[in-house]
Amino acid sequence: MIGQASRLIELKQLAGGVKRGSSAKIISVCSGKGGTGKTFFSSNFAYQLSRLNKRILLVDLDLNFSNINILLNQASGNSLSHFFEQTKTLDEIIFNYSSNLDLIFGDSGKGNFPRVSREVLDYFFVSLIKVYDRYDYIIIDSSAGGGELLLHQLTKSDFAIFVISPEPTAIMDSYVVIKLLKEMRADLKKYVVVNKCMDKEEGAGSFGNLQVAVQHFLKDEINYLGKIGFDAYAHKSIINQELLCRYYMESEAGKDIFAIAMQFIKNIQMANNNQSSFGS
């Protein structure tokens, strides 16, 4: 496990300002509760960005409940547990899935899964520095809920994308995570995707309910990326372990995720332009 003196020394030398010194941007995809389609979205969003000529590293950091390898029907002998146990370097556990898209798989259901602490998580983020220049975005599929490790992960991220569904419980649980981040004074941009919508109006309405609560009670801001509608092809892709946006690109859900990827890129470009104008 990462606890040796040499590892701690390296951590101290490299820690601090991981985000500020990075060229790649870290996106944590999260949800206040399970079952909202977080992993489904993470995988398809990463693939769509890669098709838009963005270099992507997708990391399955849903500790010991990882599913990306199952969703994509991929097997790799290397995973995050090997990195945590110091039997593999970060480079050695990176798996190439397609053009512009690399993966780091997690593990699921291991009785001897390494204990992950804040310090171990810090070391993982510090190690990412060594591969930053290869990627435009590092997308992290996170654990559901609002546990200490997730919140610590989000403080290391540039963006958080909350995947919610229209159910009031899903909206409330994401509100709680945003509230906890506010209390921690976490500095990251927060986006929302509404999954499993009946129509466009339901997606906008669900986001609106969350936005009103966040603005009124927390005096904070969240941004809407879009909705993903109910689609038989989305269900079929999960059952068949075929990535929706690779095999069913013309499905309605596939088009929705493409629109979300385009909106995300547009938002980033606008933010960069505004920073350039402010700096000049």
Protein backbone atom coordinates (compact mmCIF):
# COMPACT_ATOMS: atom_id res chain seq x y z
CA MET A 1 0.00 0.00 0.00
CA ILE A 2 1.17 3.56 -0.62
CA GLY A 3 2.60 4.42 2.74
CA GLN A 4 6.33 4.10 2.35
CA ALA A 5 8.56 7.03 3.27
CA SER A 6 9.67 7.55 -0.33
CA ARG A 7 6.07 7.83 -1.48
CA LEU A 8 5.23 10.33 1.25
CA ILE A 9 8.29 12.40 0.43
CA GLU A 10 7.29 12.51 -3.24
CA LEU A 11 3.76 13.42 -2.23
CA LYS A 12 4.99 16.34 -0.15
CA GLN A 13 7.22 17.53 -2.98
CA LEU A 14 4.46 17.41 -5.58
CA ALA A 15 1.33 18.13 -3.55
CA GLY A 16 -0.34 21.50 -3.56
CA GLY A 17 -1.76 23.13 -6.64
CA VAL A 18 -2.39 19.94 -8.57
CA LYS A 19 -5.18 21.67 -10.51
CA ARG A 20 -3.31 24.94 -10.95
CA GLY A 21 -0.27 23.29 -12.47
CA SER A 22 -2.17 20.97 -14.79
CA SER A 23 -2.66 21.20 -18.51
CA ALA A 24 -5.44 18.61 -18.54
CA LYS A 25 -8.69 19.42 -16.78
CA ILE A 26 -10.16 17.00 -14.27
CA ILE A 27 -13.91 16.28 -14.50
CA SER A 28 -15.51 14.31 -11.68
CA VAL A 29 -18.84 12.76 -12.63
CA CYS A 30 -20.87 12.18 -9.49
CA SER A 31 -24.37 11.71 -8.12
CA GLY A 32 -25.98 12.10 -4.74
CA LYS A 33 -27.45 8.60 -4.96
CA GLY A 34 -26.91 5.42 -6.91
CA GLY A 35 -29.01 4.40 -9.89
CA THR A 36 -29.01 7.71 -11.77
CA GLY A 37 -26.87 6.38 -14.65
CA LYS A 38 -23.60 7.98 -13.62
CA THR A 39 -21.34 5.29 -15.12
CA PHE A 40 -23.45 5.08 -18.28
CA PHE A 41 -23.07 8.83 -18.72
CA SER A 42 -19.34 8.93 -17.84
CA SER A 43 -18.49 6.29 -20.43
CA ASN A 44 -20.57 7.74 -23.24
CA PHE A 45 -19.61 11.34 -22.47
CA ALA A 46 -15.92 10.39 -22.55
CA TYR A 47 -16.38 8.61 -25.87
CA GLN A 48 -18.26 11.52 -27.44
CA LEU A 49 -15.54 13.96 -26.38
CA SER A 50 -12.92 11.65 -27.89
CA ARG A 51 -14.87 11.67 -31.17
CA LEU A 52 -14.73 15.48 -31.04
CA ASN A 53 -10.93 15.21 -31.15
CA LYS A 54 -10.39 15.64 -27.41
CA ARG A 55 -7.83 13.37 -25.78
CA ILE A 56 -9.54 11.66 -22.86
CA LEU A 57 -8.51 9.51 -19.92
CA LEU A 58 -11.51 7.88 -18.22
CA VAL A 59 -10.86 6.64 -14.67
CA ASP A 60 -13.18 4.29 -12.78
CA LEU A 61 -12.77 5.54 -9.21
CA ASP A 62 -15.97 4.01 -7.84
CA LEU A 63 -13.89 2.17 -5.27
CA ASN A 64 -14.57 -1.60 -5.22
CA PHE A 65 -17.90 -1.04 -7.02
CA SER A 66 -16.45 -0.39 -10.47
CA ASN A 67 -18.50 -1.14 -13.58
CA ILE A 68 -16.90 0.55 -16.58
CA ASN A 69 -15.13 -2.64 -17.64
CA ILE A 70 -18.48 -4.47 -17.52
CA LEU A 71 -20.33 -1.73 -19.37
CA LEU A 72 -17.72 -1.73 -22.14
CA ASN A 73 -17.19 -5.52 -22.12
CA GLN A 74 -13.46 -5.07 -21.68
CA ALA A 75 -11.00 -7.07 -19.61
CA SER A 76 -7.64 -5.89 -18.41
CA GLY A 77 -5.18 -7.58 -16.11
CA ASN A 78 -4.31 -4.23 -14.57
CA SER A 79 -6.45 -2.01 -12.38
CA LEU A 80 -6.33 0.73 -9.77
CA SER A 81 -5.79 -1.79 -6.98
CA HIS A 82 -2.45 -2.72 -8.56
CA PHE A 83 -1.47 0.94 -8.47
CA PHE A 84 -2.61 1.34 -4.86
CA GLU A 85 -0.65 -1.79 -3.90
CA GLN A 86 2.43 -0.44 -5.72
CA THR A 87 2.73 -3.47 -8.00
CA LYS A 88 2.06 -1.38 -11.13
CA THR A 89 2.80 2.20 -12.11
CA LEU A 90 0.06 4.50 -13.35
CA ASP A 91 1.38 4.13 -16.90
CA GLU A 92 1.13 0.36 -16.66
CA ILE A 93 -2.57 0.35 -15.78
CA ILE A 94 -3.68 2.66 -18.61
CA PHE A 95 -5.68 0.76 -21.25
CA ASN A 96 -6.29 2.10 -24.76
CA TYR A 97 -9.95 1.66 -25.73
CA SER A 98 -10.18 3.65 -28.96
CA SER A 99 -8.65 6.60 -30.74
CA ASN A 100 -8.26 9.49 -28.23
CA LEU A 101 -9.76 7.45 -25.37
CA ASP A 102 -7.77 5.66 -22.67
CA LEU A 103 -9.17 3.94 -19.59
CA ILE A 104 -8.11 3.09 -16.06
CA PHE A 105 -10.23 0.27 -14.71
CA GLY A 106 -11.23 -0.17 -11.11
CA ASP A 107 -12.16 -3.30 -9.20
CA SER A 108 -15.41 -4.67 -7.90
CA GLY A 109 -16.15 -6.94 -4.98
CA LYS A 110 -12.57 -7.69 -3.94
CA GLY A 111 -12.40 -8.92 -0.36
CA ASN A 112 -8.84 -7.66 -0.06
CA PHE A 113 -9.34 -4.34 -1.85
CA PRO A 114 -6.67 -1.90 -0.59
CA ARG A 115 -7.80 0.57 2.01
CA VAL A 116 -7.97 4.00 0.36
CA SER A 117 -7.35 7.00 2.58
CA ARG A 118 -7.16 10.71 1.81
CA GLU A 119 -3.37 10.35 1.58
CA VAL A 120 -3.65 7.51 -0.94
CA LEU A 121 -6.13 9.54 -2.98
CA ASP A 122 -3.74 12.50 -2.85
CA TYR A 123 -0.96 10.32 -4.19
CA PHE A 124 -3.17 9.17 -7.05
CA PHE A 125 -3.85 12.78 -8.07
CA VAL A 126 -0.20 13.68 -7.73
CA SER A 127 0.70 10.74 -9.97
CA LEU A 128 -1.74 12.01 -12.61
CA ILE A 129 0.60 14.97 -13.11
CA LYS A 130 2.93 12.64 -14.99
CA VAL A 131 0.32 11.97 -17.71
CA TYR A 132 -1.41 15.37 -17.88
CA ASP A 133 0.26 16.42 -21.11
CA ARG A 134 -1.28 13.46 -22.98
CA TYR A 135 -4.88 14.50 -22.37
CA ASP A 136 -7.31 17.37 -22.70
CA TYR A 137 -9.64 15.99 -20.02
CA ILE A 138 -9.37 13.37 -17.31
CA ILE A 139 -12.89 12.13 -16.51
CA ILE A 140 -13.40 10.37 -13.19
CA ASP A 141 -16.40 8.13 -12.63
CA SER A 142 -16.90 8.64 -8.90
CA SER A 143 -18.54 6.80 -6.04
CA ALA A 144 -22.16 7.73 -5.42
CA GLY A 145 -23.15 9.66 -2.31
CA GLY A 146 -21.34 12.34 -0.36
CA GLY A 147 -18.65 10.48 1.58
CA GLU A 148 -15.40 11.97 2.78
CA LEU A 149 -13.30 10.48 -0.03
CA LEU A 150 -15.67 11.73 -2.74
CA LEU A 151 -15.67 15.24 -1.30
CA HIS A 152 -11.88 15.17 -1.07
CA GLN A 153 -11.74 14.02 -4.70
CA LEU A 154 -13.99 16.88 -5.77
CA THR A 155 -11.66 19.43 -4.15
CA LYS A 156 -8.96 18.11 -6.51
CA SER A 157 -11.18 18.49 -9.59
CA ASP A 158 -11.76 21.39 -11.95
CA PHE A 159 -15.35 20.42 -12.78
CA ALA A 160 -18.10 18.35 -11.21
CA ILE A 161 -20.92 16.98 -13.35
CA PHE A 162 -23.87 15.87 -11.23
CA VAL A 163 -25.97 13.20 -12.93
CA ILE A 164 -29.47 13.34 -11.50
CA SER A 165 -32.82 11.84 -12.42
CA PRO A 166 -36.19 13.62 -12.08
CA GLU A 167 -37.03 11.86 -8.80
CA PRO A 168 -37.13 14.30 -5.85
CA THR A 169 -34.79 12.03 -3.86
CA ALA A 170 -32.11 12.21 -6.57
CA ILE A 171 -32.41 16.00 -6.72
CA MET A 172 -32.23 16.33 -2.93
CA ASP A 173 -29.23 14.01 -2.59
CA SER A 174 -27.23 16.02 -5.15
CA TYR A 175 -28.25 19.21 -3.33
CA VAL A 176 -26.74 17.76 -0.14
CA VAL A 177 -23.41 17.08 -1.90
CA ILE A 178 -23.36 20.63 -3.31
CA LYS A 179 -24.11 21.95 0.18
CA LEU A 180 -21.18 20.00 1.62
CA LEU A 181 -18.90 21.35 -1.10
CA LYS A 182 -20.08 24.88 -0.30
CA GLU A 183 -19.21 24.36 3.35
CA MET A 184 -15.75 23.16 2.32
CA ARG A 185 -15.34 26.21 0.05
CA ALA A 186 -14.43 23.92 -2.81
CA ASP A 187 -13.44 25.86 -5.91
CA LEU A 188 -14.82 24.02 -8.94
CA LYS A 189 -17.40 24.58 -11.66
CA LYS A 190 -20.58 22.57 -11.14
CA TYR A 191 -22.71 21.21 -13.99
CA VAL A 192 -25.87 19.13 -14.03
CA VAL A 193 -27.13 16.46 -16.43
CA VAL A 194 -30.67 15.13 -15.99
CA ASN A 195 -30.93 11.48 -17.04
CA LYS A 196 -33.98 9.26 -17.65
CA CYS A 197 -36.28 12.12 -18.69
CA MET A 198 -39.64 11.72 -20.34
CA ASP A 199 -39.07 14.86 -22.39
CA LYS A 200 -37.13 18.12 -22.63
CA GLU A 201 -39.50 19.90 -20.26
CA GLU A 202 -39.01 17.33 -17.52
CA GLY A 203 -35.25 17.71 -17.78
CA ALA A 204 -35.38 21.49 -17.59
CA GLY A 205 -37.88 21.35 -14.74
CA SER A 206 -35.75 18.95 -12.68
CA PHE A 207 -32.70 21.14 -13.14
CA GLY A 208 -34.76 24.20 -12.28
CA ASN A 209 -35.86 22.68 -8.97
CA LEU A 210 -32.26 21.98 -8.01
CA GLN A 211 -31.06 25.37 -9.23
CA VAL A 212 -33.66 27.28 -7.20
CA ALA A 213 -32.64 25.45 -4.01
CA VAL A 214 -28.92 25.95 -4.66
CA GLN A 215 -29.31 29.65 -5.42
CA HIS A 216 -31.75 30.40 -2.59
CA PHE A 217 -30.27 28.42 0.27
CA LEU A 218 -26.58 28.16 -0.70
CA LYS A 219 -26.09 31.34 -2.76
CA ASP A 220 -24.23 29.17 -5.23
CA GLU A 221 -24.37 28.52 -8.97
CA ILE A 222 -24.87 25.38 -11.03
CA ASN A 223 -25.03 25.12 -14.81
CA TYR A 224 -27.27 22.97 -17.00
CA LEU A 225 -25.62 20.78 -19.63
CA GLY A 226 -28.75 19.03 -20.85
CA LYS A 227 -31.00 16.00 -20.52
CA ILE A 228 -30.85 12.37 -21.60
CA GLY A 229 -34.23 10.95 -22.51
CA PHE A 230 -35.61 7.45 -22.03
CA ASP A 231 -34.43 5.34 -24.96
CA ALA A 232 -34.78 1.62 -25.67
CA TYR A 233 -31.35 1.72 -27.30
CA ALA A 234 -29.78 2.95 -24.07
CA HIS A 235 -31.21 -0.07 -22.26
CA LYS A 236 -30.12 -2.35 -25.11
CA SER A 237 -26.57 -0.99 -25.04
CA ILE A 238 -26.26 -1.73 -21.31
CA ILE A 239 -27.66 -5.26 -21.63
CA ASN A 240 -25.42 -6.03 -24.63
CA GLN A 241 -22.38 -4.32 -23.05
CA GLU A 242 -22.06 -2.08 -26.12
CA LEU A 243 -21.25 1.58 -25.70
CA LEU A 244 -24.32 3.53 -26.81
CA CYS A 245 -22.43 6.34 -28.50
CA ARG A 246 -20.25 3.88 -30.38
CA TYR A 247 -22.83 1.40 -31.62
CA TYR A 248 -26.10 3.38 -31.54
CA MET A 249 -24.96 6.88 -32.39
CA GLU A 250 -28.25 7.84 -34.07
CA SER A 251 -30.38 6.92 -31.06
CA GLU A 252 -32.16 9.73 -29.24
CA ALA A 253 -30.08 9.20 -26.11
CA GLY A 254 -26.92 9.18 -28.22
CA LYS A 255 -27.92 12.50 -29.78
CA ASP A 256 -28.63 13.91 -26.31
CA ILE A 257 -25.15 12.95 -25.06
CA PHE A 258 -23.58 14.41 -28.20
CA ALA A 259 -25.44 17.69 -27.52
CA ILE A 260 -24.19 17.62 -23.90
CA ALA A 261 -20.59 17.12 -25.05
CA MET A 262 -20.92 20.01 -27.50
CA GLN A 263 -22.45 22.23 -24.80
CA PHE A 264 -19.64 21.39 -22.40
CA ILE A 265 -16.96 22.29 -24.97
CA LYS A 266 -18.82 25.51 -25.80
CA ASN A 267 -18.95 26.48 -22.11
CA ILE A 268 -15.22 25.87 -21.70
CA GLN A 269 -14.40 27.89 -24.81
CA MET A 270 -16.55 30.79 -23.61
CA ALA A 271 -14.88 30.70 -20.19
CA ASN A 272 -11.43 30.67 -21.79
CA ASN A 273 -12.35 33.58 -24.06
CA ASN A 274 -13.66 35.57 -21.10
CA GLN A 275 -10.44 34.93 -19.18
CA SER A 276 -8.37 36.02 -22.19
CA SER A 277 -10.39 39.21 -22.54
CA PHE A 278 -10.10 39.93 -18.82
CA GLY A 279 -6.35 39.35 -18.91
CA SER A 280 -5.78 41.61 -21.93
